[in-house]
Amino acid sequence: LRLSCAASGDIFSINTMGWYRQAPGNQRELVAVISRGGATNYADSV
């Protein structure tokens, strides 16, 4: 599957964007992040 996320507003001020997920009964966890410069970081599980 592919998820998309479109940003609007003060776009110039955005630094890092990312994805988090929350399963039923679980806390929110980081999935992946990407910086303005393109550096990425992923959860070990993905």
All heavy atoms as atom14 arrays in JSON, in Angstrom:
{
  "sequence": "LRLSCAASGDIFSINTMGWYRQAPGNQRELVAVISRGGATNYADSV",
  "atom14_mask": [
    [1, 1, 1, 1, 1, 1, 1, 1, 0, 0, 0, 0, 0, 0],
    [1, 1, 1, 1, 1, 1, 1, 1, 1, 1, 1, 0, 0, 0],
    [1, 1, 1, 1, 1, 1, 1, 1, 0, 0, 0, 0, 0, 0],
    [1, 1, 1, 1, 1, 1, 0, 0, 0, 0, 0, 0, 0, 0],
    [1, 1, 1, 1, 1, 1, 0, 0, 0, 0, 0, 0, 0, 0],
    [1, 1, 1, 1, 1, 0, 0, 0, 0, 0, 0, 0, 0, 0],
    [1, 1, 1, 1, 1, 0, 0, 0, 0, 0, 0, 0, 0, 0],
    [1, 1, 1, 1, 1, 1, 0, 0, 0, 0, 0, 0, 0, 0],
    [1, 1, 1, 1, 0, 0, 0, 0, 0, 0, 0, 0, 0, 0],
    [1, 1, 1, 1, 1, 1, 1, 1, 0, 0, 0, 0, 0, 0],
    [1, 1, 1, 1, 1, 1, 1, 1, 0, 0, 0, 0, 0, 0],
    [1, 1, 1, 1, 1, 1, 1, 1, 1, 1, 1, 0, 0, 0],
    [1, 1, 1, 1, 1, 1, 0, 0, 0, 0, 0, 0, 0, 0],
    [1, 1, 1, 1, 1, 1, 1, 1, 0, 0, 0, 0, 0, 0],
    [1, 1, 1, 1, 1, 1, 1, 1, 0, 0, 0, 0, 0, 0],
    [1, 1, 1, 1, 1, 1, 1, 0, 0, 0, 0, 0, 0, 0],
    [1, 1, 1, 1, 1, 1, 1, 1, 0, 0, 0, 0, 0, 0],
    [1, 1, 1, 1, 0, 0, 0, 0, 0, 0, 0, 0, 0, 0],
    [1, 1, 1, 1, 1, 1, 1, 1, 1, 1, 1, 1, 1, 1],
    [1, 1, 1, 1, 1, 1, 1, 1, 1, 1, 1, 1, 0, 0],
    [1, 1, 1, 1, 1, 1, 1, 1, 1, 1, 1, 0, 0, 0],
    [1, 1, 1, 1, 1, 1, 1, 1, 1, 0, 0, 0, 0, 0],
    [1, 1, 1, 1, 1, 0, 0, 0, 0, 0, 0, 0, 0, 0],
    [1, 1, 1, 1, 1, 1, 1, 0, 0, 0, 0, 0, 0, 0],
    [1, 1, 1, 1, 0, 0, 0, 0, 0, 0, 0, 0, 0, 0],
    [1, 1, 1, 1, 1, 1, 1, 1, 0, 0, 0, 0, 0, 0],
    [1, 1, 1, 1, 1, 1, 1, 1, 1, 0, 0, 0, 0, 0],
    [1, 1, 1, 1, 1, 1, 1, 1, 1, 1, 1, 0, 0, 0],
    [1, 1, 1, 1, 1, 1, 1, 1, 1, 0, 0, 0, 0, 0],
    [1, 1, 1, 1, 1, 1, 1, 1, 0, 0, 0, 0, 0, 0],
    [1, 1, 1, 1, 1, 1, 1, 0, 0, 0, 0, 0, 0, 0],
    [1, 1, 1, 1, 1, 0, 0, 0, 0, 0, 0, 0, 0, 0],
    [1, 1, 1, 1, 1, 1, 1, 0, 0, 0, 0, 0, 0, 0],
    [1, 1, 1, 1, 1, 1, 1, 1, 0, 0, 0, 0, 0, 0],
    [1, 1, 1, 1, 1, 1, 0, 0, 0, 0, 0, 0, 0, 0],
    [1, 1, 1, 1, 1, 1, 1, 1, 1, 1, 1, 0, 0, 0],
    [1, 1, 1, 1, 0, 0, 0, 0, 0, 0, 0, 0, 0, 0],
    [1, 1, 1, 1, 0, 0, 0, 0, 0, 0, 0, 0, 0, 0],
    [1, 1, 1, 1, 1, 0, 0, 0, 0, 0, 0, 0, 0, 0],
    [1, 1, 1, 1, 1, 1, 1, 0, 0, 0, 0, 0, 0, 0],
    [1, 1, 1, 1, 1, 1, 1, 1, 0, 0, 0, 0, 0, 0],
    [1, 1, 1, 1, 1, 1, 1, 1, 1, 1, 1, 1, 0, 0],
    [1, 1, 1, 1, 1, 0, 0, 0, 0, 0, 0, 0, 0, 0],
    [1, 1, 1, 1, 1, 1, 1, 1, 0, 0, 0, 0, 0, 0],
    [1, 1, 1, 1, 1, 1, 0, 0, 0, 0, 0, 0, 0, 0],
    [1, 1, 1, 1, 1, 1, 1, 0, 0, 0, 0, 0, 0, 0]
  ],
  "atom14_positions": [
    [[0.85, -1.18, 0.0], [0.0, 0.0, 0.0], [0.89, 1.23, 0.0], [2.03, 1.17, 0.46], [-0.91, 0.05, 1.23], [-2.12, -0.88, 1.28], [-2.78, -0.78, 2.65], [-3.12, -0.54, 0.19], [0.0, 0.0, 0.0], [0.0, 0.0, 0.0], [0.0, 0.0, 0.0], [0.0, 0.0, 0.0], [0.0, 0.0, 0.0], [0.0, 0.0, 0.0]],
    [[0.35, 2.34, -0.51], [1.07, 3.6, -0.44], [0.17, 4.67, 0.17], [-0.95, 4.88, -0.28], [1.55, 4.07, -1.81], [2.48, 5.29, -1.71], [3.06, 5.72, -3.03], [2.12, 6.49, -3.82], [2.47, 7.29, -4.83], [3.75, 7.4, -5.18], [1.54, 7.95, -5.51], [0.0, 0.0, 0.0], [0.0, 0.0, 0.0], [0.0, 0.0, 0.0]],
    [[0.68, 5.35, 1.18], [0.0, 6.45, 1.82], [0.57, 7.77, 1.31], [1.77, 7.87, 1.06], [0.14, 6.39, 3.34], [-0.3, 5.1, 4.03], [-0.09, 5.21, 5.53], [-1.75, 4.79, 3.71], [0.0, 0.0, 0.0], [0.0, 0.0, 0.0], [0.0, 0.0, 0.0], [0.0, 0.0, 0.0], [0.0, 0.0, 0.0], [0.0, 0.0, 0.0]],
    [[-0.29, 8.77, 1.19], [0.13, 10.1, 0.77], [-0.33, 11.12, 1.8], [-1.37, 10.95, 2.44], [-0.46, 10.47, -0.59], [-0.04, 9.58, -1.59], [0.0, 0.0, 0.0], [0.0, 0.0, 0.0], [0.0, 0.0, 0.0], [0.0, 0.0, 0.0], [0.0, 0.0, 0.0], [0.0, 0.0, 0.0], [0.0, 0.0, 0.0], [0.0, 0.0, 0.0]],
    [[0.43, 12.19, 1.95], [0.1, 13.25, 2.89], [0.47, 14.58, 2.26], [1.66, 14.87, 2.07], [0.85, 13.04, 4.21], [0.6, 14.35, 5.43], [0.0, 0.0, 0.0], [0.0, 0.0, 0.0], [0.0, 0.0, 0.0], [0.0, 0.0, 0.0], [0.0, 0.0, 0.0], [0.0, 0.0, 0.0], [0.0, 0.0, 0.0], [0.0, 0.0, 0.0]],
    [[-0.53, 15.39, 1.95], [-0.32, 16.69, 1.33], [-0.38, 17.8, 2.37], [-1.34, 17.87, 3.14], [-1.36, 16.93, 0.24], [0.0, 0.0, 0.0], [0.0, 0.0, 0.0], [0.0, 0.0, 0.0], [0.0, 0.0, 0.0], [0.0, 0.0, 0.0], [0.0, 0.0, 0.0], [0.0, 0.0, 0.0], [0.0, 0.0, 0.0], [0.0, 0.0, 0.0]],
    [[0.62, 18.66, 2.38], [0.71, 19.75, 3.33], [0.32, 21.07, 2.68], [0.59, 21.3, 1.5], [2.11, 19.85, 3.91], [0.0, 0.0, 0.0], [0.0, 0.0, 0.0], [0.0, 0.0, 0.0], [0.0, 0.0, 0.0], [0.0, 0.0, 0.0], [0.0, 0.0, 0.0], [0.0, 0.0, 0.0], [0.0, 0.0, 0.0], [0.0, 0.0, 0.0]],
    [[-0.31, 21.93, 3.45], [-0.65, 23.26, 2.99], [-0.49, 24.23, 4.15], [-0.41, 23.83, 5.31], [-2.07, 23.32, 2.43], [-3.03, 22.99, 3.42], [0.0, 0.0, 0.0], [0.0, 0.0, 0.0], [0.0, 0.0, 0.0], [0.0, 0.0, 0.0], [0.0, 0.0, 0.0], [0.0, 0.0, 0.0], [0.0, 0.0, 0.0], [0.0, 0.0, 0.0]],
    [[-0.46, 25.52, 3.84], [-0.26, 26.54, 4.86], [1.16, 27.07, 4.81], [1.67, 27.38, 3.75], [0.0, 0.0, 0.0], [0.0, 0.0, 0.0], [0.0, 0.0, 0.0], [0.0, 0.0, 0.0], [0.0, 0.0, 0.0], [0.0, 0.0, 0.0], [0.0, 0.0, 0.0], [0.0, 0.0, 0.0], [0.0, 0.0, 0.0], [0.0, 0.0, 0.0]],
    [[1.78, 27.14, 5.98], [3.14, 27.68, 6.09], [4.16, 26.6, 5.75], [4.9, 26.11, 6.61], [3.39, 28.24, 7.48], [2.49, 29.42, 7.81], [2.12, 30.15, 6.86], [2.18, 29.63, 8.99], [0.0, 0.0, 0.0], [0.0, 0.0, 0.0], [0.0, 0.0, 0.0], [0.0, 0.0, 0.0], [0.0, 0.0, 0.0], [0.0, 0.0, 0.0]],
    [[4.2, 26.24, 4.49], [5.06, 25.15, 4.03], [6.54, 25.45, 4.27], [7.32, 24.56, 4.59], [4.81, 24.85, 2.55], [3.33, 24.55, 2.31], [5.67, 23.69, 2.09], [2.82, 23.37, 3.12], [0.0, 0.0, 0.0], [0.0, 0.0, 0.0], [0.0, 0.0, 0.0], [0.0, 0.0, 0.0], [0.0, 0.0, 0.0], [0.0, 0.0, 0.0]],
    [[6.9, 26.72, 4.14], [8.31, 27.1, 4.28], [8.87, 26.78, 5.65], [10.08, 26.63, 5.8], [8.47, 28.6, 4.0], [7.87, 29.48, 5.06], [8.65, 29.94, 6.11], [6.54, 29.85, 5.01], [8.12, 30.75, 7.1], [5.99, 30.65, 5.99], [6.78, 31.1, 7.03], [0.0, 0.0, 0.0], [0.0, 0.0, 0.0], [0.0, 0.0, 0.0]],
    [[8.0, 26.68, 6.64], [8.45, 26.48, 8.01], [8.59, 25.0, 8.38], [9.07, 24.69, 9.47], [7.48, 27.15, 8.99], [6.21, 26.52, 8.97], [0.0, 0.0, 0.0], [0.0, 0.0, 0.0], [0.0, 0.0, 0.0], [0.0, 0.0, 0.0], [0.0, 0.0, 0.0], [0.0, 0.0, 0.0], [0.0, 0.0, 0.0], [0.0, 0.0, 0.0]],
    [[8.18, 24.09, 7.52], [8.23, 22.66, 7.82], [9.66, 22.15, 7.72], [10.35, 22.39, 6.74], [7.32, 21.86, 6.89], [5.86, 22.25, 7.1], [7.5, 20.36, 7.12], [4.89, 21.57, 6.16], [0.0, 0.0, 0.0], [0.0, 0.0, 0.0], [0.0, 0.0, 0.0], [0.0, 0.0, 0.0], [0.0, 0.0, 0.0], [0.0, 0.0, 0.0]],
    [[10.08, 21.43, 8.72], [11.39, 20.78, 8.7], [11.21, 19.28, 8.44], [11.21, 18.84, 7.31], [12.13, 21.03, 10.0], [13.53, 20.47, 9.98], [14.11, 20.25, 8.91], [14.1, 20.21, 11.14], [0.0, 0.0, 0.0], [0.0, 0.0, 0.0], [0.0, 0.0, 0.0], [0.0, 0.0, 0.0], [0.0, 0.0, 0.0], [0.0, 0.0, 0.0]],
    [[11.01, 18.52, 9.51], [10.85, 17.08, 9.38], [9.38, 16.71, 9.16], [8.49, 17.27, 9.8], [11.38, 16.39, 10.64], [12.77, 16.67, 10.79], [11.18, 14.88, 10.55], [0.0, 0.0, 0.0], [0.0, 0.0, 0.0], [0.0, 0.0, 0.0], [0.0, 0.0, 0.0], [0.0, 0.0, 0.0], [0.0, 0.0, 0.0], [0.0, 0.0, 0.0]],
    [[9.14, 15.76, 8.28], [7.83, 15.16, 8.12], [7.98, 13.66, 8.38], [9.06, 13.1, 8.22], [7.25, 15.39, 6.74], [7.02, 16.86, 6.42], [6.14, 17.13, 4.86], [4.49, 16.55, 5.31], [0.0, 0.0, 0.0], [0.0, 0.0, 0.0], [0.0, 0.0, 0.0], [0.0, 0.0, 0.0], [0.0, 0.0, 0.0], [0.0, 0.0, 0.0]],
    [[6.88, 13.05, 8.79], [6.99, 11.64, 9.12], [5.66, 10.93, 9.2], [4.6, 11.51, 8.93], [0.0, 0.0, 0.0], [0.0, 0.0, 0.0], [0.0, 0.0, 0.0], [0.0, 0.0, 0.0], [0.0, 0.0, 0.0], [0.0, 0.0, 0.0], [0.0, 0.0, 0.0], [0.0, 0.0, 0.0], [0.0, 0.0, 0.0], [0.0, 0.0, 0.0]],
    [[5.75, 9.67, 9.55], [4.59, 8.82, 9.71], [4.67, 8.1, 11.05], [5.73, 7.58, 11.42], [4.49, 7.78, 8.59], [4.23, 8.36, 7.24], [5.15, 8.74, 6.31], [2.95, 8.64, 6.67], [4.54, 9.23, 5.2], [3.18, 9.18, 5.39], [1.64, 8.47, 7.11], [2.14, 9.57, 4.54], [0.6, 8.86, 6.27], [0.86, 9.4, 5.01]],
    [[3.56, 8.1, 11.77], [3.41, 7.37, 13.01], [2.21, 6.44, 12.86], [1.35, 6.65, 12.01], [3.2, 8.31, 14.18], [4.39, 9.18, 14.51], [4.75, 10.26, 13.7], [5.18, 8.91, 15.64], [5.84, 11.04, 14.0], [6.27, 9.7, 15.94], [6.6, 10.77, 15.12], [7.68, 11.55, 15.42], [0.0, 0.0, 0.0], [0.0, 0.0, 0.0]],
    [[2.14, 5.42, 13.71], [0.99, 4.53, 13.67], [0.57, 4.15, 15.08], [1.37, 4.16, 16.01], [1.28, 3.28, 12.84], [2.32, 2.34, 13.44], [2.62, 1.21, 12.46], [3.59, 0.26, 13.0], [4.11, -0.74, 12.33], [3.76, -0.93, 11.05], [4.98, -1.57, 12.9], [0.0, 0.0, 0.0], [0.0, 0.0, 0.0], [0.0, 0.0, 0.0]],
    [[-0.69, 3.8, 15.21], [-1.25, 3.4, 16.48], [-2.2, 2.24, 16.27], [-3.24, 2.38, 15.61], [-1.97, 4.57, 17.15], [-2.45, 4.27, 18.56], [-2.93, 5.51, 19.28], [-3.14, 6.56, 18.67], [-3.09, 5.41, 20.58], [0.0, 0.0, 0.0], [0.0, 0.0, 0.0], [0.0, 0.0, 0.0], [0.0, 0.0, 0.0], [0.0, 0.0, 0.0]],
    [[-1.84, 1.09, 16.81], [-2.69, -0.08, 16.75], [-3.65, -0.07, 17.94], [-3.37, 0.56, 18.96], [-1.84, -1.36, 16.76], [0.0, 0.0, 0.0], [0.0, 0.0, 0.0], [0.0, 0.0, 0.0], [0.0, 0.0, 0.0], [0.0, 0.0, 0.0], [0.0, 0.0, 0.0], [0.0, 0.0, 0.0], [0.0, 0.0, 0.0], [0.0, 0.0, 0.0]],
    [[-4.78, -0.77, 17.83], [-5.74, -0.8, 18.94], [-5.09, -1.27, 20.24], [-4.42, -2.3, 20.28], [-6.79, -1.8, 18.46], [-6.72, -1.72, 16.97], [-5.27, -1.51, 16.66], [0.0, 0.0, 0.0], [0.0, 0.0, 0.0], [0.0, 0.0, 0.0], [0.0, 0.0, 0.0], [0.0, 0.0, 0.0], [0.0, 0.0, 0.0], [0.0, 0.0, 0.0]],
    [[-5.26, -0.48, 21.28], [-4.7, -0.82, 22.58], [-3.24, -0.47, 22.75], [-2.69, -0.67, 23.84], [0.0, 0.0, 0.0], [0.0, 0.0, 0.0], [0.0, 0.0, 0.0], [0.0, 0.0, 0.0], [0.0, 0.0, 0.0], [0.0, 0.0, 0.0], [0.0, 0.0, 0.0], [0.0, 0.0, 0.0], [0.0, 0.0, 0.0], [0.0, 0.0, 0.0]],
    [[-2.59, 0.03, 21.7], [-1.17, 0.37, 21.76], [-0.96, 1.88, 21.74], [-1.85, 2.64, 21.36], [-0.42, -0.26, 20.59], [-0.32, -1.77, 20.69], [-0.9, -2.38, 21.59], [0.4, -2.37, 19.75], [0.0, 0.0, 0.0], [0.0, 0.0, 0.0], [0.0, 0.0, 0.0], [0.0, 0.0, 0.0], [0.0, 0.0, 0.0], [0.0, 0.0, 0.0]],
    [[0.22, 2.3, 22.13], [0.57, 3.71, 22.04], [1.04, 4.04, 20.63], [1.41, 3.15, 19.86], [1.66, 4.06, 23.05], [3.01, 3.41, 22.77], [4.07, 3.82, 23.78], [3.76, 4.3, 24.86], [5.33, 3.64, 23.42], [0.0, 0.0, 0.0], [0.0, 0.0, 0.0], [0.0, 0.0, 0.0], [0.0, 0.0, 0.0], [0.0, 0.0, 0.0]],
    [[1.01, 5.31, 20.29], [1.49, 5.76, 19.0], [3.0, 5.52, 18.89], [3.75, 5.81, 19.83], [1.17, 7.24, 18.81], [1.56, 7.8, 17.45], [1.32, 9.3, 17.43], [2.16, 9.97, 18.42], [2.01, 11.23, 18.81], [1.02, 11.97, 18.3], [2.82, 11.77, 19.71], [0.0, 0.0, 0.0], [0.0, 0.0, 0.0], [0.0, 0.0, 0.0]],
    [[3.45, 5.01, 17.76], [4.86, 4.75, 17.56], [5.33, 5.33, 16.23], [4.58, 5.4, 15.26], [5.16, 3.25, 17.6], [4.5, 2.45, 16.48], [4.89, 0.99, 16.49], [5.78, 0.61, 17.28], [4.31, 0.22, 15.7], [0.0, 0.0, 0.0], [0.0, 0.0, 0.0], [0.0, 0.0, 0.0], [0.0, 0.0, 0.0], [0.0, 0.0, 0.0]],
    [[6.58, 5.73, 16.21], [7.17, 6.26, 14.99], [7.38, 5.15, 13.98], [7.84, 4.06, 14.32], [8.5, 6.95, 15.31], [9.23, 7.61, 14.14], [9.93, 8.87, 14.6], [10.25, 6.65, 13.52], [0.0, 0.0, 0.0], [0.0, 0.0, 0.0], [0.0, 0.0, 0.0], [0.0, 0.0, 0.0], [0.0, 0.0, 0.0], [0.0, 0.0, 0.0]],
    [[7.06, 5.44, 12.73], [7.29, 4.51, 11.63], [8.48, 4.96, 10.8], [9.42, 4.2, 10.57], [6.05, 4.37, 10.74], [6.33, 3.46, 9.55], [4.87, 3.85, 11.55], [0.0, 0.0, 0.0], [0.0, 0.0, 0.0], [0.0, 0.0, 0.0], [0.0, 0.0, 0.0], [0.0, 0.0, 0.0], [0.0, 0.0, 0.0], [0.0, 0.0, 0.0]],
    [[8.45, 6.21, 10.33], [9.51, 6.74, 9.49], [9.46, 8.26, 9.5], [8.38, 8.84, 9.64], [9.4, 6.22, 8.05], [0.0, 0.0, 0.0], [0.0, 0.0, 0.0], [0.0, 0.0, 0.0], [0.0, 0.0, 0.0], [0.0, 0.0, 0.0], [0.0, 0.0, 0.0], [0.0, 0.0, 0.0], [0.0, 0.0, 0.0], [0.0, 0.0, 0.0]],
    [[10.61, 8.89, 9.36], [10.69, 10.35, 9.27], [11.65, 10.72, 8.15], [12.55, 9.95, 7.8], [11.14, 11.0, 10.59], [10.09, 10.8, 11.67], [12.49, 10.46, 11.03], [0.0, 0.0, 0.0], [0.0, 0.0, 0.0], [0.0, 0.0, 0.0], [0.0, 0.0, 0.0], [0.0, 0.0, 0.0], [0.0, 0.0, 0.0], [0.0, 0.0, 0.0]],
    [[11.45, 11.92, 7.6], [12.34, 12.44, 6.56], [12.54, 13.92, 6.82], [11.59, 14.67, 7.05], [11.78, 12.16, 5.15], [12.77, 12.63, 4.08], [10.41, 12.79, 4.96], [12.42, 12.12, 2.69], [0.0, 0.0, 0.0], [0.0, 0.0, 0.0], [0.0, 0.0, 0.0], [0.0, 0.0, 0.0], [0.0, 0.0, 0.0], [0.0, 0.0, 0.0]],
    [[13.78, 14.36, 6.78], [14.11, 15.75, 7.05], [13.97, 16.58, 5.78], [13.78, 16.07, 4.68], [15.54, 15.86, 7.59], [16.48, 15.61, 6.56], [0.0, 0.0, 0.0], [0.0, 0.0, 0.0], [0.0, 0.0, 0.0], [0.0, 0.0, 0.0], [0.0, 0.0, 0.0], [0.0, 0.0, 0.0], [0.0, 0.0, 0.0], [0.0, 0.0, 0.0]],
    [[14.08, 17.91, 5.94], [14.03, 18.81, 4.8], [15.13, 18.48, 3.8], [14.92, 18.6, 2.59], [14.17, 20.26, 5.29], [14.1, 21.29, 4.17], [14.4, 22.68, 4.69], [13.4, 23.13, 5.66], [12.28, 23.76, 5.33], [12.01, 24.05, 4.07], [11.43, 24.13, 6.29], [0.0, 0.0, 0.0], [0.0, 0.0, 0.0], [0.0, 0.0, 0.0]],
    [[16.28, 18.04, 4.29], [17.39, 17.7, 3.42], [17.33, 16.31, 2.85], [18.2, 15.94, 2.05], [0.0, 0.0, 0.0], [0.0, 0.0, 0.0], [0.0, 0.0, 0.0], [0.0, 0.0, 0.0], [0.0, 0.0, 0.0], [0.0, 0.0, 0.0], [0.0, 0.0, 0.0], [0.0, 0.0, 0.0], [0.0, 0.0, 0.0], [0.0, 0.0, 0.0]],
    [[16.35, 15.51, 3.24], [16.18, 14.18, 2.68], [16.69, 13.04, 3.52], [16.56, 11.87, 3.12], [0.0, 0.0, 0.0], [0.0, 0.0, 0.0], [0.0, 0.0, 0.0], [0.0, 0.0, 0.0], [0.0, 0.0, 0.0], [0.0, 0.0, 0.0], [0.0, 0.0, 0.0], [0.0, 0.0, 0.0], [0.0, 0.0, 0.0], [0.0, 0.0, 0.0]],
    [[17.27, 13.33, 4.68], [17.72, 12.25, 5.56], [16.52, 11.51, 6.12], [15.52, 12.12, 6.5], [18.58, 12.81, 6.68], [0.0, 0.0, 0.0], [0.0, 0.0, 0.0], [0.0, 0.0, 0.0], [0.0, 0.0, 0.0], [0.0, 0.0, 0.0], [0.0, 0.0, 0.0], [0.0, 0.0, 0.0], [0.0, 0.0, 0.0], [0.0, 0.0, 0.0]],
    [[16.62, 10.19, 6.2], [15.5, 9.36, 6.65], [15.88, 8.53, 7.85], [17.05, 8.23, 8.09], [15.01, 8.44, 5.53], [16.09, 7.6, 5.1], [14.5, 9.25, 4.34], [0.0, 0.0, 0.0], [0.0, 0.0, 0.0], [0.0, 0.0, 0.0], [0.0, 0.0, 0.0], [0.0, 0.0, 0.0], [0.0, 0.0, 0.0], [0.0, 0.0, 0.0]],
    [[14.86, 8.14, 8.59], [15.03, 7.25, 9.73], [13.8, 6.37, 9.83], [12.68, 6.85, 9.65], [15.23, 8.04, 11.02], [15.59, 7.15, 12.19], [16.48, 6.32, 12.08], [14.9, 7.32, 13.3], [0.0, 0.0, 0.0], [0.0, 0.0, 0.0], [0.0, 0.0, 0.0], [0.0, 0.0, 0.0], [0.0, 0.0, 0.0], [0.0, 0.0, 0.0]],
    [[14.01, 5.08, 10.11], [12.92, 4.12, 10.15], [12.92, 3.35, 11.46], [13.97, 3.1, 12.05], [13.03, 3.1, 9.01], [12.92, 3.68, 7.63], [14.05, 4.13, 6.94], [11.68, 3.77, 7.0], [13.94, 4.65, 5.67], [11.57, 4.3, 5.72], [12.71, 4.74, 5.06], [12.59, 5.26, 3.79], [0.0, 0.0, 0.0], [0.0, 0.0, 0.0]],
    [[11.73, 2.96, 11.88], [11.62, 2.02, 12.98], [12.22, 0.69, 12.55], [12.11, 0.29, 11.39], [10.17, 1.84, 13.4], [0.0, 0.0, 0.0], [0.0, 0.0, 0.0], [0.0, 0.0, 0.0], [0.0, 0.0, 0.0], [0.0, 0.0, 0.0], [0.0, 0.0, 0.0], [0.0, 0.0, 0.0], [0.0, 0.0, 0.0], [0.0, 0.0, 0.0]],
    [[12.85, -0.01, 13.49], [13.47, -1.29, 13.16], [12.47, -2.28, 12.57], [12.83, -3.09, 11.71], [14.13, -1.9, 14.4], [15.37, -1.15, 14.83], [15.95, -0.42, 14.0], [15.78, -1.3, 15.99], [0.0, 0.0, 0.0], [0.0, 0.0, 0.0], [0.0, 0.0, 0.0], [0.0, 0.0, 0.0], [0.0, 0.0, 0.0], [0.0, 0.0, 0.0]],
    [[11.23, -2.21, 13.0], [10.23, -3.17, 12.56], [9.84, -3.02, 11.1], [9.25, -3.94, 10.52], [8.98, -3.05, 13.44], [8.42, -1.76, 13.36], [0.0, 0.0, 0.0], [0.0, 0.0, 0.0], [0.0, 0.0, 0.0], [0.0, 0.0, 0.0], [0.0, 0.0, 0.0], [0.0, 0.0, 0.0], [0.0, 0.0, 0.0], [0.0, 0.0, 0.0]],
    [[10.15, -1.88, 10.48], [9.74, -1.65, 9.1], [10.92, -1.47, 8.16], [10.72, -1.34, 6.94], [8.8, -0.43, 8.97], [7.61, -0.57, 9.9], [9.55, 0.87, 9.24], [0.0, 0.0, 0.0], [0.0, 0.0, 0.0], [0.0, 0.0, 0.0], [0.0, 0.0, 0.0], [0.0, 0.0, 0.0], [0.0, 0.0, 0.0], [0.0, 0.0, 0.0]]
  ]
}
